[in-house]
């Protein structure tokens, strides 16, 4: 059974950091694109970042570029999202997802979340001080 489980969210002051984890089970995460999305209250879900399996390439939304870093540990079947220099507008529930098809991360994957077929339940991040 395919399962994604996010963890690592919490309450942090502006300028602070968090590291989110996305642990996969039921499939080998190393073969597929894994993407992170977030959804703030009253807003649509938006793409944050994704990482390719084929070449390790990454993509980021403009709003997080230079502050967030995505990485993967295939041995642990886990993808991470390091959140630095957090701002109040980063407050949201963060989700990881995959389509279990693609190996190369592309812009449309972040633009159209409905392309992803498998989702975790999310982990909340609150940036407030």
C-alpha atoms as a PDB file:
ATOM      1  CA  UNK A   1       0.000   0.000   0.000  1.00  0.00           C
ATOM      2  CA  UNK A   2       1.419   3.366  -1.054  1.00  0.00           C
ATOM      3  CA  UNK A   3       1.754   5.747   1.847  1.00  0.00           C
ATOM      4  CA  UNK A   4       3.379   9.125   2.434  1.00  0.00           C
ATOM      5  CA  UNK A   5       3.747  10.521   5.936  1.00  0.00           C
ATOM      6  CA  UNK A   6       4.868  14.082   6.651  1.00  0.00           C
ATOM      7  CA  UNK A   7       6.363  15.204   9.942  1.00  0.00           C
ATOM      8  CA  UNK A   8       8.412  18.028  11.392  1.00  0.00           C
ATOM      9  CA  UNK A   9       5.939  20.874  11.345  1.00  0.00           C
ATOM     10  CA  UNK A  10       5.379  23.199  14.270  1.00  0.00           C
ATOM     11  CA  UNK A  11       5.325  26.741  15.582  1.00  0.00           C
ATOM     12  CA  UNK A  12       8.344  28.898  14.818  1.00  0.00           C
ATOM     13  CA  UNK A  13       9.178  32.590  15.029  1.00  0.00           C
ATOM     14  CA  UNK A  14       9.837  34.652  11.891  1.00  0.00           C
ATOM     15  CA  UNK A  15      13.367  34.069  10.693  1.00  0.00           C
ATOM     16  CA  UNK A  16      13.429  30.600  12.195  1.00  0.00           C
ATOM     17  CA  UNK A  17      13.894  27.182  10.597  1.00  0.00           C
ATOM     18  CA  UNK A  18      12.199  23.820  10.388  1.00  0.00           C
ATOM     19  CA  UNK A  19      12.967  20.570   8.610  1.00  0.00           C
ATOM     20  CA  UNK A  20      10.037  18.649   7.229  1.00  0.00           C
ATOM     21  CA  UNK A  21      10.241  14.950   6.413  1.00  0.00           C
ATOM     22  CA  UNK A  22       8.229  12.888   3.964  1.00  0.00           C
ATOM     23  CA  UNK A  23       8.595   9.180   4.673  1.00  0.00           C
ATOM     24  CA  UNK A  24       7.407   6.792   1.984  1.00  0.00           C
ATOM     25  CA  UNK A  25       6.219   3.213   2.347  1.00  0.00           C
ATOM     26  CA  UNK A  26       4.835   0.713  -0.109  1.00  0.00           C
ATOM     27  CA  UNK A  27       7.073   1.888  -2.943  1.00  0.00           C
ATOM     28  CA  UNK A  28      10.666   2.839  -3.638  1.00  0.00           C
ATOM     29  CA  UNK A  29      10.772   6.612  -3.412  1.00  0.00           C
ATOM     30  CA  UNK A  30      14.077   6.682  -5.273  1.00  0.00           C
ATOM     31  CA  UNK A  31      12.416   6.012  -8.622  1.00  0.00           C
ATOM     32  CA  UNK A  32       9.899   8.868  -8.648  1.00  0.00           C
ATOM     33  CA  UNK A  33       9.458  12.599  -8.372  1.00  0.00           C
ATOM     34  CA  UNK A  34       8.428  13.766  -4.927  1.00  0.00           C
ATOM     35  CA  UNK A  35       6.866  17.195  -4.579  1.00  0.00           C
ATOM     36  CA  UNK A  36       5.971  19.436  -1.669  1.00  0.00           C
ATOM     37  CA  UNK A  37       2.837  21.559  -1.641  1.00  0.00           C
ATOM     38  CA  UNK A  38       1.258  23.821   0.926  1.00  0.00           C
ATOM     39  CA  UNK A  39      -2.181  25.155   1.646  1.00  0.00           C
ATOM     40  CA  UNK A  40      -2.860  28.173   3.797  1.00  0.00           C
ATOM     41  CA  UNK A  41      -6.284  28.782   5.354  1.00  0.00           C
ATOM     42  CA  UNK A  42      -8.718  30.056   2.743  1.00  0.00           C
ATOM     43  CA  UNK A  43      -6.245  29.637  -0.099  1.00  0.00           C
ATOM     44  CA  UNK A  44      -5.666  27.109  -2.837  1.00  0.00           C
ATOM     45  CA  UNK A  45      -2.992  24.465  -2.593  1.00  0.00           C
ATOM     46  CA  UNK A  46       0.256  25.657  -4.169  1.00  0.00           C
ATOM     47  CA  UNK A  47       3.403  23.921  -5.276  1.00  0.00           C
ATOM     48  CA  UNK A  48       6.524  24.589  -3.233  1.00  0.00           C
ATOM     49  CA  UNK A  49       9.269  22.336  -4.547  1.00  0.00           C
ATOM     50  CA  UNK A  50      10.002  19.023  -6.216  1.00  0.00           C
ATOM     51  CA  UNK A  51      12.970  16.749  -6.670  1.00  0.00           C
ATOM     52  CA  UNK A  52      13.721  14.379  -9.508  1.00  0.00           C
ATOM     53  CA  UNK A  53      14.794  10.790  -9.161  1.00  0.00           C
ATOM     54  CA  UNK A  54      16.548  10.610 -12.517  1.00  0.00           C
ATOM     55  CA  UNK A  55      19.174  13.307 -11.956  1.00  0.00           C
ATOM     56  CA  UNK A  56      18.419  14.826  -8.552  1.00  0.00           C
ATOM     57  CA  UNK A  57      17.383  18.123 -10.136  1.00  0.00           C
ATOM     58  CA  UNK A  58      15.110  20.398  -8.162  1.00  0.00           C
ATOM     59  CA  UNK A  59      12.515  23.098  -8.749  1.00  0.00           C
ATOM     60  CA  UNK A  60      11.234  25.767  -6.379  1.00  0.00           C
ATOM     61  CA  UNK A  61       8.384  28.221  -6.328  1.00  0.00           C
ATOM     62  CA  UNK A  62       9.620  31.795  -6.614  1.00  0.00           C
ATOM     63  CA  UNK A  63       8.202  32.585  -3.182  1.00  0.00           C
ATOM     64  CA  UNK A  64      10.550  30.113  -1.469  1.00  0.00           C
ATOM     65  CA  UNK A  65      13.587  30.150  -3.731  1.00  0.00           C
ATOM     66  CA  UNK A  66      16.751  30.749  -1.745  1.00  0.00           C
ATOM     67  CA  UNK A  67      15.041  29.937   1.565  1.00  0.00           C
ATOM     68  CA  UNK A  68      13.822  26.347   1.199  1.00  0.00           C
ATOM     69  CA  UNK A  69      15.922  23.323   0.214  1.00  0.00           C
ATOM     70  CA  UNK A  70      14.597  19.954  -0.896  1.00  0.00           C
ATOM     71  CA  UNK A  71      16.681  16.793  -0.614  1.00  0.00           C
ATOM     72  CA  UNK A  72      16.234  13.049  -0.632  1.00  0.00           C
ATOM     73  CA  UNK A  73      17.734  10.077   1.187  1.00  0.00           C
ATOM     74  CA  UNK A  74      16.886   7.029  -0.870  1.00  0.00           C
ATOM     75  CA  UNK A  75      18.347   4.675   1.734  1.00  0.00           C
ATOM     76  CA  UNK A  76      15.797   5.976   4.229  1.00  0.00           C
ATOM     77  CA  UNK A  77      13.054   6.264   1.602  1.00  0.00           C
ATOM     78  CA  UNK A  78      12.563   9.844   2.747  1.00  0.00           C
ATOM     79  CA  UNK A  79      12.480  13.309   1.206  1.00  0.00           C
ATOM     80  CA  UNK A  80      13.202  16.400   3.269  1.00  0.00           C
ATOM     81  CA  UNK A  81      12.264  20.047   2.967  1.00  0.00           C
ATOM     82  CA  UNK A  82      14.487  22.442   4.902  1.00  0.00           C
ATOM     83  CA  UNK A  83      12.676  25.685   5.645  1.00  0.00           C
ATOM     84  CA  UNK A  84      14.915  28.634   6.542  1.00  0.00           C
ATOM     85  CA  UNK A  85      14.272  32.356   6.998  1.00  0.00           C
ATOM     86  CA  UNK A  86      10.622  31.604   7.590  1.00  0.00           C
ATOM     87  CA  UNK A  87       8.034  34.338   7.149  1.00  0.00           C
ATOM     88  CA  UNK A  88       4.466  34.593   8.468  1.00  0.00           C
ATOM     89  CA  UNK A  89       3.205  34.056   4.913  1.00  0.00           C
ATOM     90  CA  UNK A  90       4.803  30.585   4.958  1.00  0.00           C
ATOM     91  CA  UNK A  91       2.155  29.509   7.454  1.00  0.00           C
ATOM     92  CA  UNK A  92       0.275  26.570   5.935  1.00  0.00           C
ATOM     93  CA  UNK A  93      -0.229  22.839   6.036  1.00  0.00           C
ATOM     94  CA  UNK A  94       2.592  21.237   4.062  1.00  0.00           C
ATOM     95  CA  UNK A  95       1.993  18.087   2.025  1.00  0.00           C
ATOM     96  CA  UNK A  96       4.223  15.768   0.051  1.00  0.00           C
ATOM     97  CA  UNK A  97       2.948  13.966  -3.003  1.00  0.00           C
ATOM     98  CA  UNK A  98       3.903  11.804  -5.963  1.00  0.00           C
ATOM     99  CA  UNK A  99       2.331  10.565  -9.190  1.00  0.00           C
ATOM    100  CA  UNK A 100       4.305   7.283  -9.149  1.00  0.00           C
ATOM    101  CA  UNK A 101       5.095   7.821 -12.800  1.00  0.00           C
ATOM    102  CA  UNK A 102       7.610  10.553 -13.507  1.00  0.00           C
ATOM    103  CA  UNK A 103      11.296  10.579 -12.747  1.00  0.00           C
ATOM    104  CA  UNK A 104      11.955  14.169 -13.793  1.00  0.00           C
ATOM    105  CA  UNK A 105      10.489  17.138 -11.962  1.00  0.00           C
ATOM    106  CA  UNK A 106       8.782  19.715 -14.215  1.00  0.00           C
ATOM    107  CA  UNK A 107       7.160  23.074 -13.668  1.00  0.00           C
ATOM    108  CA  UNK A 108       3.640  21.835 -14.403  1.00  0.00           C
ATOM    109  CA  UNK A 109       3.841  19.440 -11.465  1.00  0.00           C
ATOM    110  CA  UNK A 110       3.986  22.388  -9.083  1.00  0.00           C
ATOM    111  CA  UNK A 111       1.463  24.457 -11.032  1.00  0.00           C
ATOM    112  CA  UNK A 112      -1.196  21.742 -11.198  1.00  0.00           C
ATOM    113  CA  UNK A 113      -1.388  19.769  -7.946  1.00  0.00           C
ATOM    114  CA  UNK A 114      -4.122  17.530  -9.336  1.00  0.00           C
ATOM    115  CA  UNK A 115      -1.453  15.732 -11.375  1.00  0.00           C
ATOM    116  CA  UNK A 116      -0.288  14.073  -8.184  1.00  0.00           C
ATOM    117  CA  UNK A 117      -2.107  10.868  -7.275  1.00  0.00           C
ATOM    118  CA  UNK A 118      -0.743  10.066  -3.828  1.00  0.00           C
ATOM    119  CA  UNK A 119      -0.709  12.464  -0.916  1.00  0.00           C
ATOM    120  CA  UNK A 120       0.241  12.478   2.708  1.00  0.00           C
ATOM    121  CA  UNK A 121      -2.025  13.920   5.378  1.00  0.00           C
ATOM    122  CA  UNK A 122       0.106  17.002   5.860  1.00  0.00           C
ATOM    123  CA  UNK A 123       2.044  18.664   8.653  1.00  0.00           C
ATOM    124  CA  UNK A 124       1.167  22.178   9.878  1.00  0.00           C
ATOM    125  CA  UNK A 125       3.685  25.006   9.941  1.00  0.00           C
ATOM    126  CA  UNK A 126       2.883  28.201  11.809  1.00  0.00           C
ATOM    127  CA  UNK A 127       5.213  31.183  11.632  1.00  0.00           C
ATOM    128  CA  UNK A 128       4.323  33.699  14.269  1.00  0.00           C
ATOM    129  CA  UNK A 129       6.132  35.795  16.771  1.00  0.00           C
END
